[in-house]
Amino acid sequence: MITELIVSLFVVAGGIFCFAAGMGVLRLPDLLLRMHASTKAGTLGSGLILVAVAIAFAESTVIARAVAAILFLILTAPVAAHLIGRAAFRSGVPMIDDTACEDGVTEALRKRPAERHPEDATGPATAHVEPEARPEAEAGTPATGGAPRKAP
């Protein structure tokens, strides 16, 4: 009786969060806010429902799968949201007027990595050096047994 009550509370709470995530995707004005609603509330809602499943079945295999699914959601949802948001920002998806960035961030994020200068502090150095131009390529490496590398 108590277990069923706890399970039902988790399912209802998870359903409310999933519903809020869906409403956020429908009602919020721009991509970054929609993505925030879907990842945060969707992950929490799904996690609560998976906790309810683990409590309801109370078997070690079901609990292990529920914990694995929750960990997978917690680890992948923020990374995916970050990458989608960055790609949208760099491609010029329109944002609402209240979206603010620090000075220089917009220009730095919209540049492609090949366009950045190696000494530029806004991103990693992307200078490409051909293997033939490096002195160690002519002297050989331990992996090649001291023989010079051949160009592909």
C-alpha atoms as a PDB file:
ATOM      1  CA  MET A   1       0.000   0.000   0.000  1.00  0.00           C
ATOM      2  CA  ILE A   2       2.722   2.486   0.981  1.00  0.00           C
ATOM      3  CA  THR A   3       4.926   1.367  -1.908  1.00  0.00           C
ATOM      4  CA  GLU A   4       2.106   1.964  -4.378  1.00  0.00           C
ATOM      5  CA  LEU A   5       1.547   5.440  -2.950  1.00  0.00           C
ATOM      6  CA  ILE A   6       5.247   6.309  -3.256  1.00  0.00           C
ATOM      7  CA  VAL A   7       5.382   4.941  -6.804  1.00  0.00           C
ATOM      8  CA  SER A   8       2.296   6.918  -7.792  1.00  0.00           C
ATOM      9  CA  LEU A   9       3.781  10.118  -6.326  1.00  0.00           C
ATOM     10  CA  PHE A  10       6.982   9.631  -8.316  1.00  0.00           C
ATOM     11  CA  VAL A  11       5.032   8.915 -11.518  1.00  0.00           C
ATOM     12  CA  VAL A  12       2.767  11.961 -11.059  1.00  0.00           C
ATOM     13  CA  ALA A  13       5.730  14.215 -10.233  1.00  0.00           C
ATOM     14  CA  GLY A  14       7.636  12.890 -13.247  1.00  0.00           C
ATOM     15  CA  GLY A  15       4.605  13.403 -15.444  1.00  0.00           C
ATOM     16  CA  ILE A  16       4.235  16.995 -14.250  1.00  0.00           C
ATOM     17  CA  PHE A  17       7.870  17.729 -15.066  1.00  0.00           C
ATOM     18  CA  CYS A  18       7.577  16.081 -18.500  1.00  0.00           C
ATOM     19  CA  PHE A  19       4.409  18.097 -19.154  1.00  0.00           C
ATOM     20  CA  ALA A  20       6.233  21.282 -18.103  1.00  0.00           C
ATOM     21  CA  ALA A  21       9.052  20.406 -20.503  1.00  0.00           C
ATOM     22  CA  GLY A  22       6.573  19.984 -23.333  1.00  0.00           C
ATOM     23  CA  MET A  23       4.849  23.260 -22.498  1.00  0.00           C
ATOM     24  CA  GLY A  24       8.224  25.002 -22.376  1.00  0.00           C
ATOM     25  CA  VAL A  25       9.089  23.757 -25.841  1.00  0.00           C
ATOM     26  CA  LEU A  26       5.750  25.022 -27.140  1.00  0.00           C
ATOM     27  CA  ARG A  27       5.570  28.352 -25.335  1.00  0.00           C
ATOM     28  CA  LEU A  28       9.074  29.739 -24.839  1.00  0.00           C
ATOM     29  CA  PRO A  29      10.232  32.335 -27.385  1.00  0.00           C
ATOM     30  CA  ASP A  30      13.634  31.178 -28.637  1.00  0.00           C
ATOM     31  CA  LEU A  31      15.763  28.098 -29.156  1.00  0.00           C
ATOM     32  CA  LEU A  32      17.999  28.438 -26.099  1.00  0.00           C
ATOM     33  CA  LEU A  33      15.065  28.758 -23.703  1.00  0.00           C
ATOM     34  CA  ARG A  34      13.195  25.867 -25.343  1.00  0.00           C
ATOM     35  CA  MET A  35      16.261  23.709 -25.142  1.00  0.00           C
ATOM     36  CA  HIS A  36      16.737  24.595 -21.481  1.00  0.00           C
ATOM     37  CA  ALA A  37      13.152  23.593 -20.682  1.00  0.00           C
ATOM     38  CA  SER A  38      13.339  20.324 -22.567  1.00  0.00           C
ATOM     39  CA  THR A  39      16.652  19.178 -21.111  1.00  0.00           C
ATOM     40  CA  LYS A  40      16.204  20.202 -17.483  1.00  0.00           C
ATOM     41  CA  ALA A  41      12.554  19.366 -16.912  1.00  0.00           C
ATOM     42  CA  GLY A  42      12.565  16.425 -19.318  1.00  0.00           C
ATOM     43  CA  THR A  43      15.552  14.811 -17.633  1.00  0.00           C
ATOM     44  CA  LEU A  44      14.091  15.315 -14.161  1.00  0.00           C
ATOM     45  CA  GLY A  45      10.670  13.994 -15.228  1.00  0.00           C
ATOM     46  CA  SER A  46      12.132  10.926 -16.907  1.00  0.00           C
ATOM     47  CA  GLY A  47      14.382  10.300 -13.915  1.00  0.00           C
ATOM     48  CA  LEU A  48      11.462  10.426 -11.497  1.00  0.00           C
ATOM     49  CA  ILE A  49       9.462   7.993 -13.625  1.00  0.00           C
ATOM     50  CA  LEU A  50      12.442   5.630 -13.790  1.00  0.00           C
ATOM     51  CA  VAL A  51      12.790   5.807  -9.990  1.00  0.00           C
ATOM     52  CA  ALA A  52       9.111   4.862  -9.749  1.00  0.00           C
ATOM     53  CA  VAL A  53       9.699   1.879 -12.042  1.00  0.00           C
ATOM     54  CA  ALA A  54      12.683   0.750  -9.954  1.00  0.00           C
ATOM     55  CA  ILE A  55      10.638   0.984  -6.735  1.00  0.00           C
ATOM     56  CA  ALA A  56       7.605  -0.744  -8.233  1.00  0.00           C
ATOM     57  CA  PHE A  57       9.450  -3.777  -9.578  1.00  0.00           C
ATOM     58  CA  ALA A  58      12.077  -3.984  -6.805  1.00  0.00           C
ATOM     59  CA  GLU A  59      14.267  -6.429  -8.727  1.00  0.00           C
ATOM     60  CA  SER A  60      18.009  -5.977  -8.995  1.00  0.00           C
ATOM     61  CA  THR A  61      18.036  -6.128 -12.806  1.00  0.00           C
ATOM     62  CA  VAL A  62      15.274  -3.521 -13.139  1.00  0.00           C
ATOM     63  CA  ILE A  63      16.943  -1.265 -10.558  1.00  0.00           C
ATOM     64  CA  ALA A  64      20.284  -1.564 -12.349  1.00  0.00           C
ATOM     65  CA  ARG A  65      18.700  -0.679 -15.688  1.00  0.00           C
ATOM     66  CA  ALA A  66      16.822   2.263 -14.179  1.00  0.00           C
ATOM     67  CA  VAL A  67      19.984   3.606 -12.543  1.00  0.00           C
ATOM     68  CA  ALA A  68      21.908   3.156 -15.804  1.00  0.00           C
ATOM     69  CA  ALA A  69      19.210   4.987 -17.756  1.00  0.00           C
ATOM     70  CA  ILE A  70      19.126   7.835 -15.224  1.00  0.00           C
ATOM     71  CA  LEU A  71      22.919   8.189 -15.337  1.00  0.00           C
ATOM     72  CA  PHE A  72      22.832   8.132 -19.131  1.00  0.00           C
ATOM     73  CA  LEU A  73      20.225  10.913 -19.157  1.00  0.00           C
ATOM     74  CA  ILE A  74      22.129  13.012 -16.628  1.00  0.00           C
ATOM     75  CA  LEU A  75      25.413  12.646 -18.540  1.00  0.00           C
ATOM     76  CA  THR A  76      24.177  13.090 -22.109  1.00  0.00           C
ATOM     77  CA  ALA A  77      21.361  15.660 -21.942  1.00  0.00           C
ATOM     78  CA  PRO A  78      23.532  18.635 -20.864  1.00  0.00           C
ATOM     79  CA  VAL A  79      26.252  17.818 -23.392  1.00  0.00           C
ATOM     80  CA  ALA A  80      23.760  17.464 -26.243  1.00  0.00           C
ATOM     81  CA  ALA A  81      21.994  20.679 -25.254  1.00  0.00           C
ATOM     82  CA  HIS A  82      25.297  22.549 -25.109  1.00  0.00           C
ATOM     83  CA  LEU A  83      26.360  21.355 -28.548  1.00  0.00           C
ATOM     84  CA  ILE A  84      22.975  22.093 -30.120  1.00  0.00           C
ATOM     85  CA  GLY A  85      22.900  25.544 -28.524  1.00  0.00           C
ATOM     86  CA  ARG A  86      26.409  26.344 -29.685  1.00  0.00           C
ATOM     87  CA  ALA A  87      25.658  25.195 -33.220  1.00  0.00           C
ATOM     88  CA  ALA A  88      22.475  27.274 -33.278  1.00  0.00           C
ATOM     89  CA  PHE A  89      24.286  30.333 -31.950  1.00  0.00           C
ATOM     90  CA  ARG A  90      27.115  29.977 -34.460  1.00  0.00           C
ATOM     91  CA  SER A  91      24.740  29.510 -37.370  1.00  0.00           C
ATOM     92  CA  GLY A  92      22.879  32.706 -36.502  1.00  0.00           C
ATOM     93  CA  VAL A  93      19.539  31.428 -35.210  1.00  0.00           C
ATOM     94  CA  PRO A  94      17.620  34.519 -34.042  1.00  0.00           C
ATOM     95  CA  MET A  95      17.404  35.050 -30.286  1.00  0.00           C
ATOM     96  CA  ILE A  96      15.052  37.218 -28.268  1.00  0.00           C
ATOM     97  CA  ASP A  97      16.114  40.790 -27.532  1.00  0.00           C
ATOM     98  CA  ASP A  98      16.798  40.021 -23.861  1.00  0.00           C
ATOM     99  CA  THR A  99      19.575  37.543 -24.744  1.00  0.00           C
ATOM    100  CA  ALA A 100      22.826  39.215 -23.737  1.00  0.00           C
ATOM    101  CA  CYS A 101      26.443  38.259 -24.391  1.00  0.00           C
ATOM    102  CA  GLU A 102      29.688  39.669 -23.122  1.00  0.00           C
ATOM    103  CA  ASP A 103      31.698  41.899 -25.431  1.00  0.00           C
ATOM    104  CA  GLY A 104      33.454  39.923 -28.146  1.00  0.00           C
ATOM    105  CA  VAL A 105      31.760  36.609 -27.399  1.00  0.00           C
ATOM    106  CA  THR A 106      29.354  36.779 -30.321  1.00  0.00           C
ATOM    107  CA  GLU A 107      32.119  37.430 -32.842  1.00  0.00           C
ATOM    108  CA  ALA A 108      34.397  34.800 -31.321  1.00  0.00           C
ATOM    109  CA  LEU A 109      31.750  32.074 -31.305  1.00  0.00           C
ATOM    110  CA  ARG A 110      30.615  32.778 -34.852  1.00  0.00           C
ATOM    111  CA  LYS A 111      34.163  32.384 -36.212  1.00  0.00           C
ATOM    112  CA  ARG A 112      35.078  28.982 -37.513  1.00  0.00           C
ATOM    113  CA  PRO A 113      38.124  27.345 -35.869  1.00  0.00           C
ATOM    114  CA  ALA A 114      40.188  27.681 -39.079  1.00  0.00           C
ATOM    115  CA  GLU A 115      39.569  31.452 -39.094  1.00  0.00           C
ATOM    116  CA  ARG A 116      41.024  31.972 -35.607  1.00  0.00           C
ATOM    117  CA  HIS A 117      44.600  33.070 -35.118  1.00  0.00           C
ATOM    118  CA  PRO A 118      46.882  30.829 -33.020  1.00  0.00           C
ATOM    119  CA  GLU A 119      47.624  33.658 -30.577  1.00  0.00           C
ATOM    120  CA  ASP A 120      43.932  34.535 -30.269  1.00  0.00           C
ATOM    121  CA  ALA A 121      42.709  33.964 -26.703  1.00  0.00           C
ATOM    122  CA  THR A 122      39.166  33.151 -27.814  1.00  0.00           C
ATOM    123  CA  GLY A 123      39.896  29.606 -28.854  1.00  0.00           C
ATOM    124  CA  PRO A 124      42.476  26.882 -29.285  1.00  0.00           C
ATOM    125  CA  ALA A 125      45.287  27.325 -31.724  1.00  0.00           C
ATOM    126  CA  THR A 126      44.508  25.542 -34.955  1.00  0.00           C
ATOM    127  CA  ALA A 127      47.707  26.106 -36.889  1.00  0.00           C
ATOM    128  CA  HIS A 128      48.394  23.016 -38.953  1.00  0.00           C
ATOM    129  CA  VAL A 129      51.996  22.017 -39.500  1.00  0.00           C
ATOM    130  CA  GLU A 130      52.765  19.491 -42.192  1.00  0.00           C
ATOM    131  CA  PRO A 131      54.766  16.450 -40.978  1.00  0.00           C
ATOM    132  CA  GLU A 132      57.546  17.137 -43.490  1.00  0.00           C
ATOM    133  CA  ALA A 133      58.148  20.600 -41.976  1.00  0.00           C
ATOM    134  CA  ARG A 134      58.837  19.228 -38.520  1.00  0.00           C
ATOM    135  CA  PRO A 135      62.436  18.307 -37.674  1.00  0.00           C
ATOM    136  CA  GLU A 136      61.454  15.129 -35.830  1.00  0.00           C
ATOM    137  CA  ALA A 137      59.781  13.811 -38.996  1.00  0.00           C
ATOM    138  CA  GLU A 138      63.140  13.802 -40.771  1.00  0.00           C
ATOM    139  CA  ALA A 139      65.053  12.253 -37.904  1.00  0.00           C
ATOM    140  CA  GLY A 140      62.555   9.453 -37.489  1.00  0.00           C
ATOM    141  CA  THR A 141      60.643   8.342 -34.454  1.00  0.00           C
ATOM    142  CA  PRO A 142      60.860   5.369 -32.133  1.00  0.00           C
ATOM    143  CA  ALA A 143      57.641   4.071 -33.711  1.00  0.00           C
ATOM    144  CA  THR A 144      59.321   3.870 -37.126  1.00  0.00           C
ATOM    145  CA  GLY A 145      62.513   2.412 -35.714  1.00  0.00           C
ATOM    146  CA  GLY A 146      64.492   5.601 -36.369  1.00  0.00           C
ATOM    147  CA  ALA A 147      63.663   5.598 -40.071  1.00  0.00           C
ATOM    148  CA  PRO A 148      62.300   8.794 -41.580  1.00  0.00           C
ATOM    149  CA  ARG A 149      58.581   8.981 -42.111  1.00  0.00           C
ATOM    150  CA  LYS A 150      57.253   8.769 -45.592  1.00  0.00           C
ATOM    151  CA  ALA A 151      54.688  11.308 -46.760  1.00  0.00           C
ATOM    152  CA  PRO A 152      51.278   9.748 -47.457  1.00  0.00           C
END
